Amino acid sequence: MRSIIPASVQVPLLLLAACRSGGDPMPMPAATVAVTTVAPQATEEVLDFVGQVEASRTVQVRAQASGVITARPFREGAQVHAGDVLYRIDATNYDADLRGARARVAEAESRVQNATVHAARLLPLIADNAVARQDVDNAEATLLQSRAALDDARATLARAQKSVSETVVRAEISGRVGRA
């Protein structure tokens, strides 16, 4: 005869029988523990900071003359001194303007000289009524106009000289050159 024992009772009985049949249970191994003795002592203080470096003075280089850059005699990151050449711009047109301005000054100077001589020649003749007063007035007015034209030509010459000098871009301050 077989007895019917439900499965829910059989499994715990088998487990209970297995535990008793082996004898003594196996002992657990001892755990390893690290021991540190704490004692007060002086330590070196290490400070880490994050920061950014920034120049105390910066200058943006901007050319006053337009044209093609023909030379850049510095290297990026190099040390330069105040007055060192940074860029050279093609000065062909500016040199031509300068030569033209010099020619206009020479022309205006010759006109002033001619008008001065002409006015000086007519002025003593007015006392003897040898020339009309209108001619003397015209000569004096021409002299004033030629002097004004000379001043204008000299101003044009100064502008042309400045334009030629601006084709050479120089460092304003000493320091390290950034990206070009």
C-alpha atoms as a PDB file:
ATOM      1  CA  MET A   1       0.000   0.000   0.000  1.00  0.00           C
ATOM      2  CA  ARG A   2       1.168   3.203  -0.879  1.00  0.00           C
ATOM      3  CA  SER A   3       0.330   6.132   1.184  1.00  0.00           C
ATOM      4  CA  ILE A   4      -0.321   9.332  -0.552  1.00  0.00           C
ATOM      5  CA  ILE A   5       1.383  12.236   1.101  1.00  0.00           C
ATOM      6  CA  PRO A   6       0.781  15.578  -0.475  1.00  0.00           C
ATOM      7  CA  ALA A   7       3.812  17.260  -2.155  1.00  0.00           C
ATOM      8  CA  SER A   8       3.562  20.272   0.122  1.00  0.00           C
ATOM      9  CA  VAL A   9       4.383  18.000   3.081  1.00  0.00           C
ATOM     10  CA  GLN A  10       6.974  15.814   1.303  1.00  0.00           C
ATOM     11  CA  VAL A  11       9.439  18.618   0.373  1.00  0.00           C
ATOM     12  CA  PRO A  12       9.873  19.995   3.921  1.00  0.00           C
ATOM     13  CA  LEU A  13      10.283  16.471   5.294  1.00  0.00           C
ATOM     14  CA  LEU A  14      13.033  15.697   2.791  1.00  0.00           C
ATOM     15  CA  LEU A  15      14.860  18.898   3.636  1.00  0.00           C
ATOM     16  CA  LEU A  16      14.610  18.177   7.359  1.00  0.00           C
ATOM     17  CA  ALA A  17      15.971  14.674   6.869  1.00  0.00           C
ATOM     18  CA  ALA A  18      18.888  15.991   4.794  1.00  0.00           C
ATOM     19  CA  CYS A  19      19.928  18.425   7.502  1.00  0.00           C
ATOM     20  CA  ARG A  20      20.052  15.723  10.190  1.00  0.00           C
ATOM     21  CA  SER A  21      21.855  13.102   8.208  1.00  0.00           C
ATOM     22  CA  GLY A  22      25.104  15.089   7.679  1.00  0.00           C
ATOM     23  CA  GLY A  23      26.183  15.477  11.264  1.00  0.00           C
ATOM     24  CA  ASP A  24      27.771  18.731  12.505  1.00  0.00           C
ATOM     25  CA  PRO A  25      27.318  21.851  10.362  1.00  0.00           C
ATOM     26  CA  MET A  26      30.458  23.439   8.827  1.00  0.00           C
ATOM     27  CA  PRO A  27      31.884  26.359  10.810  1.00  0.00           C
ATOM     28  CA  MET A  28      32.102  29.855   9.134  1.00  0.00           C
ATOM     29  CA  PRO A  29      35.627  31.149   8.394  1.00  0.00           C
ATOM     30  CA  ALA A  30      36.875  34.041  10.521  1.00  0.00           C
ATOM     31  CA  ALA A  31      36.546  37.483   8.902  1.00  0.00           C
ATOM     32  CA  THR A  32      39.732  39.547   8.382  1.00  0.00           C
ATOM     33  CA  VAL A  33      39.554  43.028   9.823  1.00  0.00           C
ATOM     34  CA  ALA A  34      42.048  45.875   9.252  1.00  0.00           C
ATOM     35  CA  VAL A  35      42.898  47.840  12.353  1.00  0.00           C
ATOM     36  CA  THR A  36      44.372  51.353  12.215  1.00  0.00           C
ATOM     37  CA  THR A  37      45.579  53.290  15.178  1.00  0.00           C
ATOM     38  CA  VAL A  38      44.544  56.930  14.973  1.00  0.00           C
ATOM     39  CA  ALA A  39      46.986  59.467  16.363  1.00  0.00           C
ATOM     40  CA  PRO A  40      46.917  63.266  15.953  1.00  0.00           C
ATOM     41  CA  GLN A  41      49.692  64.646  13.713  1.00  0.00           C
ATOM     42  CA  ALA A  42      50.408  67.735  11.534  1.00  0.00           C
ATOM     43  CA  THR A  43      49.601  67.375   7.846  1.00  0.00           C
ATOM     44  CA  GLU A  44      50.613  69.453   4.861  1.00  0.00           C
ATOM     45  CA  GLU A  45      47.734  71.537   3.566  1.00  0.00           C
ATOM     46  CA  VAL A  46      47.374  71.259  -0.205  1.00  0.00           C
ATOM     47  CA  LEU A  47      45.159  73.822  -1.895  1.00  0.00           C
ATOM     48  CA  ASP A  48      44.018  73.439  -5.500  1.00  0.00           C
ATOM     49  CA  PHE A  49      42.555  76.454  -7.272  1.00  0.00           C
ATOM     50  CA  VAL A  50      41.115  76.901 -10.727  1.00  0.00           C
ATOM     51  CA  GLY A  51      41.656  80.243 -12.426  1.00  0.00           C
ATOM     52  CA  GLN A  52      42.114  82.039 -15.700  1.00  0.00           C
ATOM     53  CA  VAL A  53      45.026  84.186 -16.774  1.00  0.00           C
ATOM     54  CA  GLU A  54      44.185  87.495 -18.358  1.00  0.00           C
ATOM     55  CA  ALA A  55      46.467  90.219 -19.709  1.00  0.00           C
ATOM     56  CA  SER A  56      46.643  93.408 -17.677  1.00  0.00           C
ATOM     57  CA  ARG A  57      46.577  95.493 -20.864  1.00  0.00           C
ATOM     58  CA  THR A  58      45.380  94.504 -24.310  1.00  0.00           C
ATOM     59  CA  VAL A  59      45.506  96.390 -27.572  1.00  0.00           C
ATOM     60  CA  GLN A  60      43.512  95.578 -30.644  1.00  0.00           C
ATOM     61  CA  VAL A  61      45.514  96.248 -33.770  1.00  0.00           C
ATOM     62  CA  ARG A  62      43.490  97.838 -36.514  1.00  0.00           C
ATOM     63  CA  ALA A  63      45.045  99.208 -39.678  1.00  0.00           C
ATOM     64  CA  GLN A  64      44.065 102.741 -40.633  1.00  0.00           C
ATOM     65  CA  ALA A  65      45.077 102.129 -44.243  1.00  0.00           C
ATOM     66  CA  SER A  66      43.289  99.682 -46.478  1.00  0.00           C
ATOM     67  CA  GLY A  67      45.103  97.352 -48.809  1.00  0.00           C
ATOM     68  CA  VAL A  68      46.824  94.016 -49.135  1.00  0.00           C
ATOM     69  CA  ILE A  69      49.092  92.906 -46.298  1.00  0.00           C
ATOM     70  CA  THR A  70      52.519  92.383 -47.858  1.00  0.00           C
ATOM     71  CA  ALA A  71      54.444  91.344 -44.735  1.00  0.00           C
ATOM     72  CA  ARG A  72      53.821  90.106 -41.201  1.00  0.00           C
ATOM     73  CA  PRO A  73      57.283  89.980 -39.592  1.00  0.00           C
ATOM     74  CA  PHE A  74      56.170  88.573 -36.203  1.00  0.00           C
ATOM     75  CA  ARG A  75      55.190  85.096 -35.015  1.00  0.00           C
ATOM     76  CA  GLU A  76      51.992  84.537 -33.066  1.00  0.00           C
ATOM     77  CA  GLY A  77      52.809  84.279 -29.374  1.00  0.00           C
ATOM     78  CA  ALA A  78      56.131  86.111 -29.777  1.00  0.00           C
ATOM     79  CA  GLN A  79      57.286  88.943 -27.530  1.00  0.00           C
ATOM     80  CA  VAL A  80      57.259  92.370 -29.231  1.00  0.00           C
ATOM     81  CA  HIS A  81      58.350  95.801 -28.063  1.00  0.00           C
ATOM     82  CA  ALA A  82      56.531  99.093 -28.503  1.00  0.00           C
ATOM     83  CA  GLY A  83      57.236 100.390 -32.007  1.00  0.00           C
ATOM     84  CA  ASP A  84      58.058  96.995 -33.564  1.00  0.00           C
ATOM     85  CA  VAL A  85      56.572  96.447 -37.032  1.00  0.00           C
ATOM     86  CA  LEU A  86      53.592  94.090 -36.977  1.00  0.00           C
ATOM     87  CA  TYR A  87      52.234  94.451 -40.517  1.00  0.00           C
ATOM     88  CA  ARG A  88      53.188  96.115 -43.793  1.00  0.00           C
ATOM     89  CA  ILE A  89      50.386  97.068 -46.171  1.00  0.00           C
ATOM     90  CA  ASP A  90      50.910  97.594 -49.899  1.00  0.00           C
ATOM     91  CA  ALA A  91      51.698 101.322 -50.189  1.00  0.00           C
ATOM     92  CA  THR A  92      51.732 101.673 -53.990  1.00  0.00           C
ATOM     93  CA  ASN A  93      48.579 103.815 -54.194  1.00  0.00           C
ATOM     94  CA  TYR A  94      49.529 105.831 -51.126  1.00  0.00           C
ATOM     95  CA  ASP A  95      53.009 106.562 -52.540  1.00  0.00           C
ATOM     96  CA  ALA A  96      51.408 107.758 -55.785  1.00  0.00           C
ATOM     97  CA  ASP A  97      49.083 110.057 -53.820  1.00  0.00           C
ATOM     98  CA  LEU A  98      52.086 111.386 -51.891  1.00  0.00           C
ATOM     99  CA  ARG A  99      54.015 112.181 -55.093  1.00  0.00           C
ATOM    100  CA  GLY A 100      50.939 113.924 -56.504  1.00  0.00           C
ATOM    101  CA  ALA A 101      50.525 115.971 -53.332  1.00  0.00           C
ATOM    102  CA  ARG A 102      54.181 117.046 -53.463  1.00  0.00           C
ATOM    103  CA  ALA A 103      53.699 118.141 -57.061  1.00  0.00           C
ATOM    104  CA  ARG A 104      50.626 120.208 -56.137  1.00  0.00           C
ATOM    105  CA  VAL A 105      52.598 121.897 -53.341  1.00  0.00           C
ATOM    106  CA  ALA A 106      55.393 122.766 -55.775  1.00  0.00           C
ATOM    107  CA  GLU A 107      52.849 124.130 -58.250  1.00  0.00           C
ATOM    108  CA  ALA A 108      51.113 126.192 -55.560  1.00  0.00           C
ATOM    109  CA  GLU A 109      54.460 127.571 -54.334  1.00  0.00           C
ATOM    110  CA  SER A 110      55.348 128.711 -57.853  1.00  0.00           C
ATOM    111  CA  ARG A 111      51.936 130.387 -58.227  1.00  0.00           C
ATOM    112  CA  VAL A 112      52.454 132.192 -54.896  1.00  0.00           C
ATOM    113  CA  GLN A 113      55.882 133.333 -56.031  1.00  0.00           C
ATOM    114  CA  ASN A 114      54.526 134.541 -59.395  1.00  0.00           C
ATOM    115  CA  ALA A 115      51.575 136.331 -57.763  1.00  0.00           C
ATOM    116  CA  THR A 116      53.908 137.982 -55.236  1.00  0.00           C
ATOM    117  CA  VAL A 117      56.217 139.285 -57.962  1.00  0.00           C
ATOM    118  CA  HIS A 118      53.268 140.490 -60.072  1.00  0.00           C
ATOM    119  CA  ALA A 119      51.642 142.318 -57.131  1.00  0.00           C
ATOM    120  CA  ALA A 120      54.982 143.845 -56.097  1.00  0.00           C
ATOM    121  CA  ARG A 121      55.529 145.074 -59.679  1.00  0.00           C
ATOM    122  CA  LEU A 122      52.116 146.759 -59.912  1.00  0.00           C
ATOM    123  CA  LEU A 123      51.953 148.306 -56.443  1.00  0.00           C
ATOM    124  CA  PRO A 124      54.504 151.154 -57.024  1.00  0.00           C
ATOM    125  CA  LEU A 125      52.887 152.005 -60.369  1.00  0.00           C
ATOM    126  CA  ILE A 126      49.557 152.860 -58.734  1.00  0.00           C
ATOM    127  CA  ALA A 127      51.100 155.983 -57.158  1.00  0.00           C
ATOM    128  CA  ASP A 128      51.909 157.393 -60.621  1.00  0.00           C
ATOM    129  CA  ASN A 129      48.523 156.281 -62.012  1.00  0.00           C
ATOM    130  CA  ALA A 130      50.421 154.131 -64.483  1.00  0.00           C
ATOM    131  CA  VAL A 131      48.064 151.172 -63.859  1.00  0.00           C
ATOM    132  CA  ALA A 132      44.445 150.910 -62.949  1.00  0.00           C
ATOM    133  CA  ARG A 133      43.523 150.286 -59.346  1.00  0.00           C
ATOM    134  CA  GLN A 134      41.515 147.282 -60.555  1.00  0.00           C
ATOM    135  CA  ASP A 135      44.680 145.613 -61.854  1.00  0.00           C
ATOM    136  CA  VAL A 136      46.410 146.055 -58.479  1.00  0.00           C
ATOM    137  CA  ASP A 137      43.342 144.712 -56.648  1.00  0.00           C
ATOM    138  CA  ASN A 138      43.232 141.712 -58.986  1.00  0.00           C
ATOM    139  CA  ALA A 139      46.945 141.027 -58.412  1.00  0.00           C
ATOM    140  CA  GLU A 140      46.498 141.179 -54.620  1.00  0.00           C
ATOM    141  CA  ALA A 141      43.450 138.881 -54.789  1.00  0.00           C
ATOM    142  CA  THR A 142      45.382 136.422 -56.960  1.00  0.00           C
ATOM    143  CA  LEU A 143      48.188 136.457 -54.390  1.00  0.00           C
ATOM    144  CA  LEU A 144      45.712 135.650 -51.570  1.00  0.00           C
ATOM    145  CA  GLN A 145      44.108 132.880 -53.644  1.00  0.00           C
ATOM    146  CA  SER A 146      47.461 131.333 -54.472  1.00  0.00           C
ATOM    147  CA  ARG A 147      48.452 131.395 -50.774  1.00  0.00           C
ATOM    148  CA  ALA A 148      45.184 129.635 -49.888  1.00  0.00           C
ATOM    149  CA  ALA A 149      45.809 127.058 -52.625  1.00  0.00           C
ATOM    150  CA  LEU A 150      49.306 126.515 -51.189  1.00  0.00           C
ATOM    151  CA  ASP A 151      47.843 125.888 -47.711  1.00  0.00           C
ATOM    152  CA  ASP A 152      45.358 123.418 -49.197  1.00  0.00           C
ATOM    153  CA  ALA A 153      48.128 121.623 -51.105  1.00  0.00           C
ATOM    154  CA  ARG A 154      50.236 121.403 -47.928  1.00  0.00           C
ATOM    155  CA  ALA A 155      47.252 119.910 -46.043  1.00  0.00           C
ATOM    156  CA  THR A 156      46.791 117.339 -48.809  1.00  0.00           C
ATOM    157  CA  LEU A 157      50.517 116.549 -48.598  1.00  0.00           C
ATOM    158  CA  ALA A 158      50.259 116.033 -44.818  1.00  0.00           C
ATOM    159  CA  ARG A 159      47.302 113.657 -45.295  1.00  0.00           C
ATOM    160  CA  ALA A 160      49.199 111.719 -47.961  1.00  0.00           C
ATOM    161  CA  GLN A 161      52.281 111.443 -45.709  1.00  0.00           C
ATOM    162  CA  LYS A 162      50.094 110.183 -42.870  1.00  0.00           C
ATOM    163  CA  SER A 163      48.468 107.600 -45.158  1.00  0.00           C
ATOM    164  CA  VAL A 164      51.870 106.326 -46.258  1.00  0.00           C
ATOM    165  CA  SER A 165      53.020 106.075 -42.631  1.00  0.00           C
ATOM    166  CA  GLU A 166      49.869 104.097 -41.776  1.00  0.00           C
ATOM    167  CA  THR A 167      50.860 101.357 -44.229  1.00  0.00           C
ATOM    168  CA  VAL A 168      53.336 100.217 -41.570  1.00  0.00           C
ATOM    169  CA  VAL A 169      51.390  98.981 -38.523  1.00  0.00           C
ATOM    170  CA  ARG A 170      53.476  99.103 -35.340  1.00  0.00           C
ATOM    171  CA  ALA A 171      52.944  97.703 -31.830  1.00  0.00           C
ATOM    172  CA  GLU A 172      51.583 100.341 -29.470  1.00  0.00           C
ATOM    173  CA  ILE A 173      52.840  98.613 -26.318  1.00  0.00           C
ATOM    174  CA  SER A 174      55.342  95.912 -25.455  1.00  0.00           C
ATOM    175  CA  GLY A 175      53.966  92.454 -24.790  1.00  0.00           C
ATOM    176  CA  ARG A 176      53.089  89.082 -26.244  1.00  0.00           C
ATOM    177  CA  VAL A 177      51.272  88.914 -29.572  1.00  0.00           C
ATOM    178  CA  GLY A 178      48.049  86.925 -29.634  1.00  0.00           C
ATOM    179  CA  ARG A 179      46.389  85.253 -32.611  1.00  0.00           C
ATOM    180  CA  ALA A 180      46.643  87.178 -35.835  1.00  0.00           C
END
